[in-house]
Amino acid sequence: MSFTAEFTPTVEEFLEGQRVYNKFLATSLVRFNYRFYIPAGVFAVSVAAIGFVLRIDVGIAFVLLILGGYLISKPTVFWPRRMKKEFAQYPNHKSDTVMEFSEEQIIVQTSQSKSEIAWERFIRFVETDKLFVLFALPRFLLTVPKRVVPPNESDQFRDLVRRKLADKAP
């Protein structure tokens, strides 16, 4: 079974790919920060609110409010804005992409390059709402937008990927 996907990546798919990268492949510190920025920010804002209500060291409460706001804004506002700028900065992010999945390998072709990647290179497969994602070590991922996989072929695509990665550890 072979499968061909032709698409032009969107900024939303790029952001989703970056989220997956941060969740699974980034360094330990980045993964920790990615998972705990918002909870830590909510905690800091909550402590600040209690400090303001009880009038306990308003200066520290104000610092905690600023810190909490920053921790919440970093992954929800600042990080997506930075990723959108990065997407716009590099022309290959917006070029047509053709991916051919066969029993032997995956061929990825853009306007600037062509790569042949052996299935053995990949260690894991996950799905998000928008993407099929293949992981390779040390920090590489291959994303296929779900919008380019016809619904009647998505199960066949999943089966191919799972079969090729069957002997890999989850």
C-alpha atoms as a PDB file:
ATOM      1  CA  MET A   1       0.000   0.000   0.000  1.00  0.00           C
ATOM      2  CA  SER A   2       1.268   3.462  -0.814  1.00  0.00           C
ATOM      3  CA  PHE A   3      -0.120   6.865  -0.055  1.00  0.00           C
ATOM      4  CA  THR A   4       0.649  10.324  -1.459  1.00  0.00           C
ATOM      5  CA  ALA A   5      -0.153  13.585   0.331  1.00  0.00           C
ATOM      6  CA  GLU A   6       0.118  16.910  -1.489  1.00  0.00           C
ATOM      7  CA  PHE A   7      -0.359  20.109   0.493  1.00  0.00           C
ATOM      8  CA  THR A   8       0.825  23.573   1.406  1.00  0.00           C
ATOM      9  CA  PRO A   9       1.265  23.795   5.170  1.00  0.00           C
ATOM     10  CA  THR A  10      -0.808  26.392   7.011  1.00  0.00           C
ATOM     11  CA  VAL A  11       0.314  28.468   9.960  1.00  0.00           C
ATOM     12  CA  GLU A  12      -2.202  26.631  12.177  1.00  0.00           C
ATOM     13  CA  GLU A  13      -0.696  23.263  11.203  1.00  0.00           C
ATOM     14  CA  PHE A  14       2.781  24.646  11.848  1.00  0.00           C
ATOM     15  CA  LEU A  15       1.683  25.783  15.329  1.00  0.00           C
ATOM     16  CA  GLU A  16       0.142  22.371  16.018  1.00  0.00           C
ATOM     17  CA  GLY A  17       3.396  20.700  14.950  1.00  0.00           C
ATOM     18  CA  GLN A  18       5.332  22.972  17.301  1.00  0.00           C
ATOM     19  CA  ARG A  19       2.953  22.073  20.149  1.00  0.00           C
ATOM     20  CA  VAL A  20       3.542  18.383  19.500  1.00  0.00           C
ATOM     21  CA  TYR A  21       7.297  18.988  19.384  1.00  0.00           C
ATOM     22  CA  ASN A  22       7.199  20.846  22.719  1.00  0.00           C
ATOM     23  CA  LYS A  23       5.106  18.125  24.309  1.00  0.00           C
ATOM     24  CA  PHE A  24       7.188  15.130  23.176  1.00  0.00           C
ATOM     25  CA  LEU A  25      10.610  15.990  21.711  1.00  0.00           C
ATOM     26  CA  ALA A  26      11.875  19.228  23.225  1.00  0.00           C
ATOM     27  CA  THR A  27      14.490  19.220  25.961  1.00  0.00           C
ATOM     28  CA  SER A  28      13.326  18.248  29.448  1.00  0.00           C
ATOM     29  CA  LEU A  29      13.262  21.858  30.652  1.00  0.00           C
ATOM     30  CA  VAL A  30      11.193  23.021  27.667  1.00  0.00           C
ATOM     31  CA  ARG A  31       8.751  20.114  28.097  1.00  0.00           C
ATOM     32  CA  PHE A  32       8.415  20.950  31.813  1.00  0.00           C
ATOM     33  CA  ASN A  33       7.841  24.634  31.095  1.00  0.00           C
ATOM     34  CA  TYR A  34       5.372  23.878  28.296  1.00  0.00           C
ATOM     35  CA  ARG A  35       3.244  21.739  30.607  1.00  0.00           C
ATOM     36  CA  PHE A  36       3.383  23.914  33.732  1.00  0.00           C
ATOM     37  CA  TYR A  37       3.464  27.575  32.604  1.00  0.00           C
ATOM     38  CA  ILE A  38      -0.325  27.974  32.723  1.00  0.00           C
ATOM     39  CA  PRO A  39      -0.933  26.068  36.011  1.00  0.00           C
ATOM     40  CA  ALA A  40       1.935  27.965  37.677  1.00  0.00           C
ATOM     41  CA  GLY A  41       0.563  31.247  36.316  1.00  0.00           C
ATOM     42  CA  VAL A  42      -2.932  30.510  37.589  1.00  0.00           C
ATOM     43  CA  PHE A  43      -1.480  29.613  40.987  1.00  0.00           C
ATOM     44  CA  ALA A  44       0.540  32.857  41.137  1.00  0.00           C
ATOM     45  CA  VAL A  45      -2.490  34.958  40.145  1.00  0.00           C
ATOM     46  CA  SER A  46      -4.628  33.148  42.754  1.00  0.00           C
ATOM     47  CA  VAL A  47      -2.074  33.784  45.503  1.00  0.00           C
ATOM     48  CA  ALA A  48      -1.854  37.427  44.403  1.00  0.00           C
ATOM     49  CA  ALA A  49      -5.655  37.778  44.525  1.00  0.00           C
ATOM     50  CA  ILE A  50      -5.717  36.332  48.047  1.00  0.00           C
ATOM     51  CA  GLY A  51      -2.921  38.716  49.026  1.00  0.00           C
ATOM     52  CA  PHE A  52      -4.877  41.702  47.673  1.00  0.00           C
ATOM     53  CA  VAL A  53      -8.153  40.636  49.324  1.00  0.00           C
ATOM     54  CA  LEU A  54      -6.517  40.011  52.699  1.00  0.00           C
ATOM     55  CA  ARG A  55      -4.167  43.000  52.286  1.00  0.00           C
ATOM     56  CA  ILE A  56      -1.145  40.796  52.994  1.00  0.00           C
ATOM     57  CA  ASP A  57       2.032  42.333  51.572  1.00  0.00           C
ATOM     58  CA  VAL A  58       0.484  44.034  48.562  1.00  0.00           C
ATOM     59  CA  GLY A  59       3.949  44.501  46.987  1.00  0.00           C
ATOM     60  CA  ILE A  60       4.566  40.764  46.796  1.00  0.00           C
ATOM     61  CA  ALA A  61       0.979  40.229  45.623  1.00  0.00           C
ATOM     62  CA  PHE A  62       1.586  42.698  42.796  1.00  0.00           C
ATOM     63  CA  VAL A  63       4.802  40.912  41.766  1.00  0.00           C
ATOM     64  CA  LEU A  64       2.970  37.558  41.822  1.00  0.00           C
ATOM     65  CA  LEU A  65       0.169  39.044  39.701  1.00  0.00           C
ATOM     66  CA  ILE A  66       2.673  40.252  37.080  1.00  0.00           C
ATOM     67  CA  LEU A  67       4.543  36.929  37.157  1.00  0.00           C
ATOM     68  CA  GLY A  68       1.309  34.942  36.871  1.00  0.00           C
ATOM     69  CA  GLY A  69       0.137  37.082  33.962  1.00  0.00           C
ATOM     70  CA  TYR A  70       3.443  36.505  32.193  1.00  0.00           C
ATOM     71  CA  LEU A  71       3.349  32.737  32.789  1.00  0.00           C
ATOM     72  CA  ILE A  72      -0.175  32.539  31.389  1.00  0.00           C
ATOM     73  CA  SER A  73       0.584  34.854  28.431  1.00  0.00           C
ATOM     74  CA  LYS A  74       3.814  33.134  27.394  1.00  0.00           C
ATOM     75  CA  PRO A  75       2.235  29.957  25.922  1.00  0.00           C
ATOM     76  CA  THR A  76      -1.089  31.535  24.956  1.00  0.00           C
ATOM     77  CA  VAL A  77      -0.012  34.856  23.398  1.00  0.00           C
ATOM     78  CA  PHE A  78       3.752  35.342  23.080  1.00  0.00           C
ATOM     79  CA  TRP A  79       4.735  31.847  21.907  1.00  0.00           C
ATOM     80  CA  PRO A  80       2.082  31.580  19.128  1.00  0.00           C
ATOM     81  CA  ARG A  81       2.995  35.080  17.928  1.00  0.00           C
ATOM     82  CA  ARG A  82       6.676  34.089  17.751  1.00  0.00           C
ATOM     83  CA  MET A  83       5.857  30.867  15.885  1.00  0.00           C
ATOM     84  CA  LYS A  84       3.710  32.761  13.359  1.00  0.00           C
ATOM     85  CA  LYS A  85       6.636  35.131  12.707  1.00  0.00           C
ATOM     86  CA  GLU A  86       8.950  32.145  12.236  1.00  0.00           C
ATOM     87  CA  PHE A  87       6.489  30.523   9.827  1.00  0.00           C
ATOM     88  CA  ALA A  88       6.350  33.714   7.755  1.00  0.00           C
ATOM     89  CA  GLN A  89      10.137  34.166   7.858  1.00  0.00           C
ATOM     90  CA  TYR A  90      11.089  30.928   6.093  1.00  0.00           C
ATOM     91  CA  PRO A  91       9.748  30.378   2.557  1.00  0.00           C
ATOM     92  CA  ASN A  92       9.990  26.572   2.746  1.00  0.00           C
ATOM     93  CA  HIS A  93       7.296  26.581   5.443  1.00  0.00           C
ATOM     94  CA  LYS A  94       4.834  27.916   2.875  1.00  0.00           C
ATOM     95  CA  SER A  95       5.907  25.857  -0.142  1.00  0.00           C
ATOM     96  CA  ASP A  96       4.015  22.988  -1.712  1.00  0.00           C
ATOM     97  CA  THR A  97       4.921  19.670  -0.146  1.00  0.00           C
ATOM     98  CA  VAL A  98       4.527  16.182  -1.559  1.00  0.00           C
ATOM     99  CA  MET A  99       4.932  13.170   0.732  1.00  0.00           C
ATOM    100  CA  GLU A 100       4.927   9.658  -0.660  1.00  0.00           C
ATOM    101  CA  PHE A 101       4.508   6.851   1.849  1.00  0.00           C
ATOM    102  CA  SER A 102       5.399   3.397   0.556  1.00  0.00           C
ATOM    103  CA  GLU A 103       6.301   0.074   2.130  1.00  0.00           C
ATOM    104  CA  GLU A 104      10.003   0.867   1.708  1.00  0.00           C
ATOM    105  CA  GLN A 105      10.347   4.536   2.649  1.00  0.00           C
ATOM    106  CA  ILE A 106       8.884   8.011   2.874  1.00  0.00           C
ATOM    107  CA  ILE A 107       9.796  10.564   0.209  1.00  0.00           C
ATOM    108  CA  VAL A 108       9.316  14.218   1.106  1.00  0.00           C
ATOM    109  CA  GLN A 109       9.644  16.823  -1.618  1.00  0.00           C
ATOM    110  CA  THR A 110       9.328  20.607  -1.441  1.00  0.00           C
ATOM    111  CA  SER A 111      10.356  23.355  -3.843  1.00  0.00           C
ATOM    112  CA  GLN A 112      13.756  23.435  -2.121  1.00  0.00           C
ATOM    113  CA  SER A 113      14.572  19.815  -1.338  1.00  0.00           C
ATOM    114  CA  LYS A 114      13.826  16.133  -1.734  1.00  0.00           C
ATOM    115  CA  SER A 115      14.429  13.602   1.028  1.00  0.00           C
ATOM    116  CA  GLU A 116      14.137   9.847   1.199  1.00  0.00           C
ATOM    117  CA  ILE A 117      13.597   8.675   4.755  1.00  0.00           C
ATOM    118  CA  ALA A 118      13.692   5.029   5.821  1.00  0.00           C
ATOM    119  CA  TRP A 119      10.883   3.805   8.058  1.00  0.00           C
ATOM    120  CA  GLU A 120      13.531   2.605  10.511  1.00  0.00           C
ATOM    121  CA  ARG A 121      14.304   6.242  11.333  1.00  0.00           C
ATOM    122  CA  PHE A 122      10.893   6.730  12.953  1.00  0.00           C
ATOM    123  CA  ILE A 123      10.121   5.652  16.502  1.00  0.00           C
ATOM    124  CA  ARG A 124       6.590   6.821  17.243  1.00  0.00           C
ATOM    125  CA  PHE A 125       3.302   7.916  15.701  1.00  0.00           C
ATOM    126  CA  VAL A 126       0.647  10.170  17.264  1.00  0.00           C
ATOM    127  CA  GLU A 127      -2.469  11.916  16.048  1.00  0.00           C
ATOM    128  CA  THR A 128      -3.820  15.316  16.999  1.00  0.00           C
ATOM    129  CA  ASP A 129      -7.043  16.952  15.894  1.00  0.00           C
ATOM    130  CA  LYS A 130      -5.262  18.417  12.865  1.00  0.00           C
ATOM    131  CA  LEU A 131      -2.207  16.249  12.188  1.00  0.00           C
ATOM    132  CA  PHE A 132      -0.703  12.810  11.831  1.00  0.00           C
ATOM    133  CA  VAL A 133       2.788  13.053  13.352  1.00  0.00           C
ATOM    134  CA  LEU A 134       5.768  10.713  12.971  1.00  0.00           C
ATOM    135  CA  PHE A 135       8.685  11.092  15.408  1.00  0.00           C
ATOM    136  CA  ALA A 136      12.350  10.386  14.777  1.00  0.00           C
ATOM    137  CA  LEU A 137      15.270  10.832  17.129  1.00  0.00           C
ATOM    138  CA  PRO A 138      16.855  12.982  18.279  1.00  0.00           C
ATOM    139  CA  ARG A 139      14.361  15.817  17.647  1.00  0.00           C
ATOM    140  CA  PHE A 140      12.668  15.415  14.283  1.00  0.00           C
ATOM    141  CA  LEU A 141       9.024  15.151  13.396  1.00  0.00           C
ATOM    142  CA  LEU A 142       7.165  14.711  10.143  1.00  0.00           C
ATOM    143  CA  THR A 143       3.654  16.152  10.054  1.00  0.00           C
ATOM    144  CA  VAL A 144       0.853  15.243   7.665  1.00  0.00           C
ATOM    145  CA  PRO A 145      -2.249  17.441   7.830  1.00  0.00           C
ATOM    146  CA  LYS A 146      -5.409  15.397   8.292  1.00  0.00           C
ATOM    147  CA  ARG A 147      -7.176  17.620   5.768  1.00  0.00           C
ATOM    148  CA  VAL A 148      -5.145  16.055   2.923  1.00  0.00           C
ATOM    149  CA  VAL A 149      -5.972  12.470   3.848  1.00  0.00           C
ATOM    150  CA  PRO A 150      -9.358  11.507   2.379  1.00  0.00           C
ATOM    151  CA  PRO A 151     -11.620   9.994   5.052  1.00  0.00           C
ATOM    152  CA  ASN A 152     -11.848   6.711   3.153  1.00  0.00           C
ATOM    153  CA  GLU A 153      -8.012   6.428   3.162  1.00  0.00           C
ATOM    154  CA  SER A 154      -7.241   7.568   6.709  1.00  0.00           C
ATOM    155  CA  ASP A 155      -7.614   4.086   8.202  1.00  0.00           C
ATOM    156  CA  GLN A 156      -5.329   2.618   5.529  1.00  0.00           C
ATOM    157  CA  PHE A 157      -2.774   5.344   6.237  1.00  0.00           C
ATOM    158  CA  ARG A 158      -2.917   4.656   9.991  1.00  0.00           C
ATOM    159  CA  ASP A 159      -2.533   0.923   9.354  1.00  0.00           C
ATOM    160  CA  LEU A 160       0.524   1.474   7.147  1.00  0.00           C
ATOM    161  CA  VAL A 161       2.218   3.679   9.728  1.00  0.00           C
ATOM    162  CA  ARG A 162       1.365   1.418  12.663  1.00  0.00           C
ATOM    163  CA  ARG A 163       2.533  -1.666  10.789  1.00  0.00           C
ATOM    164  CA  LYS A 164       5.847  -0.030   9.875  1.00  0.00           C
ATOM    165  CA  LEU A 165       6.373   1.107  13.494  1.00  0.00           C
ATOM    166  CA  ALA A 166       4.962  -2.055  15.108  1.00  0.00           C
ATOM    167  CA  ASP A 167       8.278  -3.238  16.531  1.00  0.00           C
ATOM    168  CA  LYS A 168       9.082   0.151  18.043  1.00  0.00           C
ATOM    169  CA  ALA A 169       8.602   0.900  21.718  1.00  0.00           C
ATOM    170  CA  PRO A 170       5.586   3.150  22.454  1.00  0.00           C
END
